[in-house]
């Protein structure tokens, strides 16, 4: 995959391949993975389809638009104090595996789709990686594409 752009913001860096769309932002309202009053932690969205301008932090408004060959990735950072909690005990970026996906893992199930969720910490930062596949049946062919992109992801220590 040849990158078109390197997204860099809030200590998150990732290559966005040709044909993909991405954004790293801090939510201003609604759900925030915050622990600091008045502030929020970063959220990253990546997809091999165009991202709609309005979408929820975990992809509502975007996953419903996925076709069978599309994927949608969300990386949400949680408050630093969460890095020491057992939920985030896995150290380092997880490797996404086809067998991790299930239709009932999705926040709001969509017919034919499946998701996987990973909690981990790195550099004293706590994260959730949430991935949605446009087709559960095509997970074996879609997962390698996801891992190619995740292999370019770097998370700075804070």
N, C-alpha and C. Protein backbone atom coordinates (compact mmCIF):
# COMPACT_ATOMS: atom_id res chain seq x y z
N UNK A 1 0.83 -1.18 0.00
CA UNK A 1 0.00 0.00 0.00
C UNK A 1 0.88 1.24 0.00
N UNK A 2 0.69 2.08 -0.95
CA UNK A 2 1.46 3.31 -1.05
C UNK A 2 0.73 4.42 -0.31
N UNK A 3 1.36 5.02 0.73
CA UNK A 3 0.66 6.06 1.48
C UNK A 3 0.51 7.34 0.68
N UNK A 4 -0.61 7.98 0.86
CA UNK A 4 -0.84 9.28 0.26
C UNK A 4 -0.46 10.36 1.27
N UNK A 5 -0.76 10.11 2.54
CA UNK A 5 -0.52 11.11 3.56
C UNK A 5 -0.20 10.41 4.89
N UNK A 6 0.59 11.09 5.68
CA UNK A 6 0.86 10.62 7.04
C UNK A 6 0.06 11.52 7.97
N UNK A 7 -0.91 10.96 8.66
CA UNK A 7 -1.67 11.72 9.64
C UNK A 7 -0.86 11.79 10.93
N UNK A 8 -0.77 12.99 11.50
CA UNK A 8 -0.05 13.19 12.77
C UNK A 8 -0.83 14.18 13.61
N UNK A 9 -1.24 13.73 14.79
CA UNK A 9 -1.90 14.63 15.74
C UNK A 9 -1.98 13.94 17.09
N UNK A 10 -1.79 14.72 18.14
CA UNK A 10 -2.02 14.24 19.51
C UNK A 10 -1.21 13.00 19.86
N UNK A 11 0.00 12.88 19.31
CA UNK A 11 0.85 11.74 19.61
C UNK A 11 0.47 10.47 18.89
N UNK A 12 -0.35 10.59 17.85
CA UNK A 12 -0.76 9.45 17.01
C UNK A 12 -0.29 9.74 15.60
N UNK A 13 0.43 8.80 14.98
CA UNK A 13 0.93 8.95 13.61
C UNK A 13 0.57 7.69 12.84
N UNK A 14 0.05 7.85 11.63
CA UNK A 14 -0.31 6.69 10.82
C UNK A 14 -0.28 7.05 9.34
N UNK A 15 0.13 6.10 8.51
CA UNK A 15 0.05 6.27 7.06
C UNK A 15 -1.36 5.95 6.59
N UNK A 16 -1.91 6.83 5.76
CA UNK A 16 -3.22 6.62 5.17
C UNK A 16 -3.00 6.23 3.71
N UNK A 17 -3.26 4.96 3.36
CA UNK A 17 -3.01 4.50 1.99
C UNK A 17 -3.94 5.16 0.96
N UNK A 18 -3.53 5.09 -0.27
CA UNK A 18 -4.35 5.57 -1.38
C UNK A 18 -5.72 4.89 -1.31
N UNK A 19 -6.77 5.66 -1.45
CA UNK A 19 -8.14 5.14 -1.41
C UNK A 19 -8.73 5.08 -0.01
N UNK A 20 -7.94 5.40 1.00
CA UNK A 20 -8.41 5.43 2.38
C UNK A 20 -8.69 6.87 2.80
N UNK A 21 -9.44 7.02 3.87
CA UNK A 21 -9.74 8.32 4.45
C UNK A 21 -9.44 8.22 5.94
N UNK A 22 -9.02 9.32 6.55
CA UNK A 22 -8.70 9.27 7.97
C UNK A 22 -8.76 10.62 8.63
N UNK A 23 -8.91 10.58 9.95
CA UNK A 23 -8.94 11.80 10.75
C UNK A 23 -8.53 11.45 12.17
N UNK A 24 -7.77 12.36 12.79
CA UNK A 24 -7.45 12.28 14.21
C UNK A 24 -7.96 13.58 14.82
N UNK A 25 -8.76 13.47 15.87
CA UNK A 25 -9.38 14.67 16.45
C UNK A 25 -9.61 14.47 17.94
N UNK A 26 -9.93 15.55 18.59
CA UNK A 26 -10.38 15.51 19.99
C UNK A 26 -11.86 15.87 19.99
N UNK A 27 -12.71 14.99 20.52
CA UNK A 27 -14.14 15.29 20.54
C UNK A 27 -14.43 16.56 21.35
N UNK A 28 -15.38 17.33 20.86
CA UNK A 28 -15.74 18.55 21.58
C UNK A 28 -17.01 18.37 22.41
N UNK A 29 -17.86 17.44 22.01
CA UNK A 29 -19.10 17.19 22.75
C UNK A 29 -19.41 15.70 22.69
N UNK A 30 -20.43 15.32 23.42
CA UNK A 30 -20.86 13.92 23.40
C UNK A 30 -19.89 13.04 24.15
N UNK A 31 -19.73 11.79 23.72
CA UNK A 31 -18.82 10.86 24.37
C UNK A 31 -17.41 11.37 24.31
N UNK A 32 -16.73 11.32 25.43
CA UNK A 32 -15.29 11.56 25.44
C UNK A 32 -14.67 10.54 26.36
N UNK A 33 -13.51 10.11 26.03
CA UNK A 33 -12.76 9.18 26.85
C UNK A 33 -11.86 10.00 27.75
N UNK A 34 -12.47 10.93 28.44
CA UNK A 34 -11.69 11.93 29.16
C UNK A 34 -11.54 11.61 30.63
N UNK A 35 -10.59 12.23 31.19
CA UNK A 35 -10.40 12.19 32.62
C UNK A 35 -10.03 13.59 33.09
N UNK A 36 -9.80 14.49 32.15
CA UNK A 36 -9.41 15.85 32.46
C UNK A 36 -10.62 16.74 32.22
N UNK A 37 -10.98 17.51 33.23
CA UNK A 37 -12.15 18.37 33.11
C UNK A 37 -11.98 19.35 31.95
N UNK A 38 -12.98 19.38 31.08
CA UNK A 38 -12.97 20.30 29.96
C UNK A 38 -12.14 19.85 28.78
N UNK A 39 -11.47 18.73 28.90
CA UNK A 39 -10.65 18.25 27.79
C UNK A 39 -11.09 16.87 27.38
N UNK A 40 -10.57 16.41 26.30
CA UNK A 40 -10.89 15.05 25.87
C UNK A 40 -9.65 14.45 25.22
N UNK A 41 -9.65 13.15 25.19
CA UNK A 41 -8.52 12.44 24.61
C UNK A 41 -8.77 12.18 23.13
N UNK A 42 -7.73 11.90 22.36
CA UNK A 42 -7.86 11.78 20.91
C UNK A 42 -8.63 10.54 20.45
N UNK A 43 -9.21 10.69 19.27
CA UNK A 43 -9.90 9.62 18.56
C UNK A 43 -9.36 9.61 17.14
N UNK A 44 -9.07 8.42 16.60
CA UNK A 44 -8.63 8.29 15.22
C UNK A 44 -9.65 7.44 14.47
N UNK A 45 -10.04 7.88 13.31
CA UNK A 45 -10.89 7.11 12.40
C UNK A 45 -10.12 6.88 11.11
N UNK A 46 -10.14 5.63 10.62
CA UNK A 46 -9.56 5.28 9.33
C UNK A 46 -10.53 4.35 8.62
N UNK A 47 -10.65 4.51 7.32
CA UNK A 47 -11.49 3.61 6.54
C UNK A 47 -11.00 3.55 5.10
N UNK A 48 -11.24 2.42 4.46
CA UNK A 48 -10.92 2.31 3.04
C UNK A 48 -12.09 2.76 2.19
N UNK A 49 -12.95 3.57 2.78
CA UNK A 49 -14.02 4.27 2.07
C UNK A 49 -14.09 5.69 2.63
N UNK A 50 -14.81 6.55 1.97
CA UNK A 50 -14.91 7.94 2.43
C UNK A 50 -15.61 8.01 3.78
N UNK A 51 -15.06 8.80 4.69
CA UNK A 51 -15.69 9.01 5.99
C UNK A 51 -16.78 10.07 5.86
N UNK A 52 -17.96 9.80 6.38
CA UNK A 52 -18.98 10.84 6.35
C UNK A 52 -18.58 11.97 7.30
N UNK A 53 -18.99 13.20 7.02
CA UNK A 53 -18.57 14.32 7.86
C UNK A 53 -19.10 14.24 9.29
N UNK A 54 -20.24 13.63 9.48
CA UNK A 54 -20.82 13.50 10.81
C UNK A 54 -20.85 12.02 11.18
N UNK A 55 -20.18 11.69 12.29
CA UNK A 55 -20.14 10.30 12.76
C UNK A 55 -19.79 10.29 14.23
N UNK A 56 -20.22 9.25 14.90
CA UNK A 56 -19.91 9.12 16.32
C UNK A 56 -18.48 8.66 16.53
N UNK A 57 -18.00 8.82 17.75
CA UNK A 57 -16.62 8.46 18.06
C UNK A 57 -16.33 6.98 17.78
N UNK A 58 -17.32 6.11 17.97
CA UNK A 58 -17.13 4.69 17.70
C UNK A 58 -17.74 4.28 16.35
N UNK A 59 -17.99 5.25 15.47
CA UNK A 59 -18.34 4.96 14.09
C UNK A 59 -19.79 5.00 13.70
N UNK A 60 -20.70 5.31 14.63
CA UNK A 60 -22.10 5.41 14.20
C UNK A 60 -22.18 6.47 13.11
N UNK A 61 -22.97 6.19 12.11
CA UNK A 61 -23.06 7.07 10.96
C UNK A 61 -22.09 6.72 9.85
N UNK A 62 -21.07 5.93 10.17
CA UNK A 62 -20.09 5.50 9.17
C UNK A 62 -20.21 4.01 8.88
N UNK A 63 -20.33 3.19 9.92
CA UNK A 63 -20.35 1.73 9.70
C UNK A 63 -21.58 1.30 8.91
N UNK A 64 -22.66 2.03 9.04
CA UNK A 64 -23.88 1.70 8.29
C UNK A 64 -23.69 1.86 6.79
N UNK A 65 -22.68 2.62 6.39
CA UNK A 65 -22.42 2.89 4.97
C UNK A 65 -21.40 1.94 4.35
N UNK A 66 -20.80 1.06 5.17
CA UNK A 66 -19.76 0.16 4.66
C UNK A 66 -20.32 -0.85 3.67
N UNK A 67 -19.56 -1.05 2.59
CA UNK A 67 -19.86 -2.13 1.65
C UNK A 67 -19.08 -3.36 2.08
N UNK A 68 -19.25 -4.45 1.39
CA UNK A 68 -18.63 -5.72 1.81
C UNK A 68 -17.10 -5.69 1.74
N UNK A 69 -16.51 -4.79 0.96
CA UNK A 69 -15.05 -4.73 0.87
C UNK A 69 -14.46 -3.61 1.72
N UNK A 70 -15.27 -3.01 2.59
CA UNK A 70 -14.81 -1.88 3.41
C UNK A 70 -14.49 -2.29 4.84
N UNK A 71 -13.60 -1.50 5.44
CA UNK A 71 -13.24 -1.63 6.86
C UNK A 71 -13.28 -0.25 7.49
N UNK A 72 -13.50 -0.23 8.78
CA UNK A 72 -13.53 1.02 9.55
C UNK A 72 -12.78 0.77 10.85
N UNK A 73 -11.76 1.59 11.13
CA UNK A 73 -10.96 1.46 12.33
C UNK A 73 -11.14 2.68 13.22
N UNK A 74 -11.26 2.41 14.50
CA UNK A 74 -11.36 3.47 15.51
C UNK A 74 -10.27 3.21 16.54
N UNK A 75 -9.54 4.24 16.89
CA UNK A 75 -8.61 4.18 18.00
C UNK A 75 -9.00 5.30 18.95
N UNK A 76 -9.39 4.93 20.18
CA UNK A 76 -9.81 5.90 21.18
C UNK A 76 -8.82 5.83 22.34
N UNK A 77 -8.31 6.98 22.72
CA UNK A 77 -7.45 7.03 23.89
C UNK A 77 -8.29 7.33 25.12
N UNK A 78 -7.96 6.66 26.22
CA UNK A 78 -8.61 6.89 27.49
C UNK A 78 -7.67 7.64 28.41
N UNK A 79 -8.17 8.14 29.50
CA UNK A 79 -7.37 8.86 30.48
C UNK A 79 -6.16 8.02 30.89
N UNK A 80 -5.03 8.69 31.10
CA UNK A 80 -3.78 7.99 31.44
C UNK A 80 -3.91 7.09 32.67
N UNK A 81 -4.75 7.45 33.62
CA UNK A 81 -4.91 6.62 34.81
C UNK A 81 -5.49 5.25 34.46
N UNK A 82 -6.14 5.15 33.32
CA UNK A 82 -6.72 3.87 32.88
C UNK A 82 -5.65 2.87 32.45
N UNK A 83 -4.47 3.34 32.08
CA UNK A 83 -3.41 2.46 31.60
C UNK A 83 -3.02 1.41 32.64
N UNK A 84 -3.27 1.68 33.90
CA UNK A 84 -2.93 0.76 34.98
C UNK A 84 -4.07 -0.19 35.33
N UNK A 85 -5.20 -0.05 34.68
CA UNK A 85 -6.35 -0.91 34.98
C UNK A 85 -6.24 -2.22 34.22
N UNK A 86 -6.84 -3.26 34.77
CA UNK A 86 -6.72 -4.60 34.17
C UNK A 86 -7.30 -4.65 32.75
N UNK A 87 -8.34 -3.86 32.46
CA UNK A 87 -8.92 -3.86 31.11
C UNK A 87 -7.86 -3.51 30.06
N UNK A 88 -6.91 -2.65 30.42
CA UNK A 88 -5.88 -2.18 29.49
C UNK A 88 -4.54 -2.86 29.74
N UNK A 89 -4.52 -4.03 30.35
CA UNK A 89 -3.27 -4.68 30.76
C UNK A 89 -2.42 -5.20 29.60
N UNK A 90 -3.01 -5.42 28.44
CA UNK A 90 -2.22 -5.86 27.28
C UNK A 90 -1.25 -4.74 26.90
N UNK A 91 0.02 -5.10 26.78
CA UNK A 91 1.06 -4.12 26.47
C UNK A 91 1.30 -4.08 24.96
N UNK A 92 1.19 -2.90 24.36
CA UNK A 92 1.49 -2.71 22.94
C UNK A 92 0.31 -2.96 22.03
N UNK A 93 0.46 -2.45 20.82
CA UNK A 93 -0.58 -2.58 19.79
C UNK A 93 -0.88 -4.04 19.50
N UNK A 94 -2.15 -4.44 19.55
CA UNK A 94 -2.49 -5.83 19.27
C UNK A 94 -2.41 -6.15 17.78
N UNK A 95 -2.22 -7.40 17.47
CA UNK A 95 -2.30 -7.88 16.09
C UNK A 95 -3.75 -8.28 15.85
N UNK A 96 -4.37 -7.72 14.84
CA UNK A 96 -5.76 -8.03 14.51
C UNK A 96 -5.79 -9.38 13.80
N UNK A 97 -6.69 -10.27 14.25
CA UNK A 97 -6.80 -11.61 13.68
C UNK A 97 -8.24 -11.85 13.21
N UNK A 98 -8.38 -12.54 12.11
CA UNK A 98 -9.71 -12.81 11.55
C UNK A 98 -10.61 -13.52 12.55
N UNK A 99 -10.04 -14.42 13.36
CA UNK A 99 -10.87 -15.18 14.31
C UNK A 99 -11.37 -14.33 15.47
N UNK A 100 -10.90 -13.09 15.60
CA UNK A 100 -11.37 -12.20 16.66
C UNK A 100 -12.71 -11.54 16.33
N UNK A 101 -13.14 -11.61 15.08
CA UNK A 101 -14.33 -10.88 14.64
C UNK A 101 -15.60 -11.68 14.86
N UNK A 102 -16.64 -10.97 15.31
CA UNK A 102 -17.95 -11.58 15.52
C UNK A 102 -19.02 -10.52 15.30
N UNK A 103 -20.15 -10.91 14.74
CA UNK A 103 -21.23 -9.95 14.52
C UNK A 103 -21.75 -9.33 15.82
N UNK A 104 -21.72 -10.07 16.93
CA UNK A 104 -22.26 -9.53 18.18
C UNK A 104 -21.28 -8.64 18.94
N UNK A 105 -20.12 -8.37 18.36
CA UNK A 105 -19.14 -7.48 18.98
C UNK A 105 -19.42 -6.03 18.62
N UNK A 106 -20.26 -5.80 17.66
CA UNK A 106 -20.53 -4.44 17.19
C UNK A 106 -21.40 -3.69 18.20
N UNK A 107 -21.12 -2.39 18.32
CA UNK A 107 -21.89 -1.53 19.21
C UNK A 107 -23.37 -1.54 18.81
N UNK A 108 -23.62 -1.42 17.52
CA UNK A 108 -24.97 -1.52 16.95
C UNK A 108 -24.88 -2.48 15.77
N UNK A 109 -25.32 -3.75 15.94
CA UNK A 109 -25.16 -4.74 14.87
C UNK A 109 -25.79 -4.30 13.54
N UNK A 110 -25.06 -4.57 12.46
CA UNK A 110 -25.52 -4.32 11.10
C UNK A 110 -25.41 -5.65 10.37
N UNK A 111 -26.47 -6.05 9.69
CA UNK A 111 -26.53 -7.34 9.00
C UNK A 111 -25.30 -7.57 8.13
N UNK A 112 -24.62 -8.70 8.34
CA UNK A 112 -23.48 -9.11 7.53
C UNK A 112 -22.14 -8.59 8.01
N UNK A 113 -22.14 -7.59 8.88
CA UNK A 113 -20.89 -7.00 9.35
C UNK A 113 -20.43 -7.69 10.64
N UNK A 114 -19.17 -7.45 11.01
CA UNK A 114 -18.67 -7.93 12.29
C UNK A 114 -17.61 -6.97 12.81
N UNK A 115 -17.32 -7.09 14.09
CA UNK A 115 -16.36 -6.20 14.72
C UNK A 115 -15.45 -6.94 15.67
N UNK A 116 -14.39 -6.26 16.06
CA UNK A 116 -13.46 -6.76 17.08
C UNK A 116 -12.98 -5.56 17.87
N UNK A 117 -12.76 -5.78 19.15
CA UNK A 117 -12.35 -4.70 20.04
C UNK A 117 -11.16 -5.16 20.86
N UNK A 118 -10.16 -4.28 20.99
CA UNK A 118 -8.93 -4.59 21.70
C UNK A 118 -8.60 -3.44 22.64
N UNK A 119 -8.33 -3.75 23.89
CA UNK A 119 -7.90 -2.76 24.87
C UNK A 119 -6.43 -3.02 25.18
N UNK A 120 -5.62 -1.95 25.22
CA UNK A 120 -4.19 -2.11 25.44
C UNK A 120 -3.60 -0.82 25.98
N UNK A 121 -2.34 -0.90 26.40
CA UNK A 121 -1.62 0.30 26.82
C UNK A 121 -0.24 0.31 26.18
N UNK A 122 0.27 1.51 26.03
CA UNK A 122 1.62 1.68 25.51
C UNK A 122 2.12 3.06 25.96
N UNK A 123 3.35 3.11 26.41
CA UNK A 123 3.93 4.38 26.82
C UNK A 123 3.14 5.12 27.87
N UNK A 124 2.45 4.40 28.75
CA UNK A 124 1.65 5.03 29.78
C UNK A 124 0.31 5.57 29.30
N UNK A 125 -0.07 5.21 28.08
CA UNK A 125 -1.34 5.65 27.49
C UNK A 125 -2.26 4.45 27.30
N UNK A 126 -3.55 4.63 27.55
CA UNK A 126 -4.55 3.55 27.44
C UNK A 126 -5.40 3.76 26.19
N UNK A 127 -5.62 2.67 25.43
CA UNK A 127 -6.34 2.77 24.16
C UNK A 127 -7.35 1.63 24.00
N UNK A 128 -8.35 1.91 23.17
CA UNK A 128 -9.24 0.89 22.64
C UNK A 128 -9.16 0.96 21.12
N UNK A 129 -8.87 -0.16 20.49
CA UNK A 129 -8.92 -0.27 19.04
C UNK A 129 -10.18 -1.04 18.70
N UNK A 130 -11.05 -0.43 17.92
CA UNK A 130 -12.31 -1.04 17.51
C UNK A 130 -12.31 -1.10 15.98
N UNK A 131 -12.53 -2.29 15.42
CA UNK A 131 -12.47 -2.48 13.98
C UNK A 131 -13.77 -3.11 13.51
N UNK A 132 -14.34 -2.56 12.45
CA UNK A 132 -15.57 -3.09 11.85
C UNK A 132 -15.28 -3.51 10.42
N UNK A 133 -15.73 -4.71 10.08
CA UNK A 133 -15.62 -5.23 8.71
C UNK A 133 -16.96 -5.10 8.02
N UNK A 134 -16.94 -4.63 6.78
CA UNK A 134 -18.17 -4.54 6.00
C UNK A 134 -18.79 -5.89 5.72
N UNK A 135 -17.98 -6.95 5.78
CA UNK A 135 -18.47 -8.32 5.56
C UNK A 135 -17.74 -9.30 6.47
N UNK A 136 -18.50 -9.91 7.36
CA UNK A 136 -17.93 -10.94 8.22
C UNK A 136 -17.39 -12.10 7.38
N UNK A 137 -18.09 -12.43 6.29
CA UNK A 137 -17.69 -13.55 5.43
C UNK A 137 -16.33 -13.29 4.75
N UNK A 138 -15.94 -12.02 4.60
CA UNK A 138 -14.69 -11.67 3.92
C UNK A 138 -13.57 -11.32 4.90
N UNK A 139 -13.71 -11.68 6.16
CA UNK A 139 -12.74 -11.28 7.19
C UNK A 139 -11.32 -11.76 6.89
N UNK A 140 -11.17 -12.95 6.31
CA UNK A 140 -9.82 -13.46 6.02
C UNK A 140 -9.09 -12.62 4.98
N UNK A 141 -9.80 -12.00 4.08
CA UNK A 141 -9.14 -11.15 3.09
C UNK A 141 -9.01 -9.70 3.55
N UNK A 142 -9.89 -9.24 4.45
CA UNK A 142 -9.85 -7.85 4.90
C UNK A 142 -8.84 -7.60 6.03
N UNK A 143 -8.65 -8.57 6.90
CA UNK A 143 -7.77 -8.39 8.05
C UNK A 143 -6.32 -8.08 7.65
N UNK A 144 -5.72 -8.73 6.66
CA UNK A 144 -4.34 -8.35 6.28
C UNK A 144 -4.22 -6.88 5.86
N UNK A 145 -5.24 -6.36 5.20
CA UNK A 145 -5.23 -4.95 4.79
C UNK A 145 -5.23 -4.05 6.03
N UNK A 146 -5.98 -4.42 7.04
CA UNK A 146 -6.03 -3.66 8.30
C UNK A 146 -4.66 -3.68 8.96
N UNK A 147 -4.06 -4.85 9.06
CA UNK A 147 -2.76 -4.97 9.72
C UNK A 147 -1.66 -4.21 8.98
N UNK A 148 -1.74 -4.12 7.65
CA UNK A 148 -0.76 -3.33 6.91
C UNK A 148 -0.81 -1.87 7.35
N UNK A 149 -2.01 -1.36 7.54
CA UNK A 149 -2.15 0.03 7.99
C UNK A 149 -1.71 0.16 9.44
N UNK A 150 -2.13 -0.75 10.29
CA UNK A 150 -1.75 -0.67 11.71
C UNK A 150 -0.24 -0.81 11.91
N UNK A 151 0.43 -1.49 11.00
CA UNK A 151 1.89 -1.61 11.09
C UNK A 151 2.59 -0.26 10.95
N UNK A 152 1.90 0.74 10.38
CA UNK A 152 2.49 2.06 10.21
C UNK A 152 2.15 2.99 11.38
N UNK A 153 1.30 2.54 12.29
CA UNK A 153 0.83 3.36 13.40
C UNK A 153 1.90 3.46 14.48
N UNK A 154 2.18 4.68 14.91
CA UNK A 154 3.06 4.89 16.06
C UNK A 154 2.32 5.76 17.07
N UNK A 155 2.53 5.41 18.33
CA UNK A 155 1.90 6.13 19.43
C UNK A 155 3.01 6.66 20.33
N UNK A 156 3.12 7.98 20.40
CA UNK A 156 4.17 8.58 21.21
C UNK A 156 3.89 8.37 22.68
N UNK A 157 4.97 8.32 23.46
CA UNK A 157 4.81 8.31 24.91
C UNK A 157 4.46 9.73 25.33
N UNK A 158 3.63 9.82 26.32
CA UNK A 158 3.19 11.15 26.75
C UNK A 158 4.00 11.74 27.86
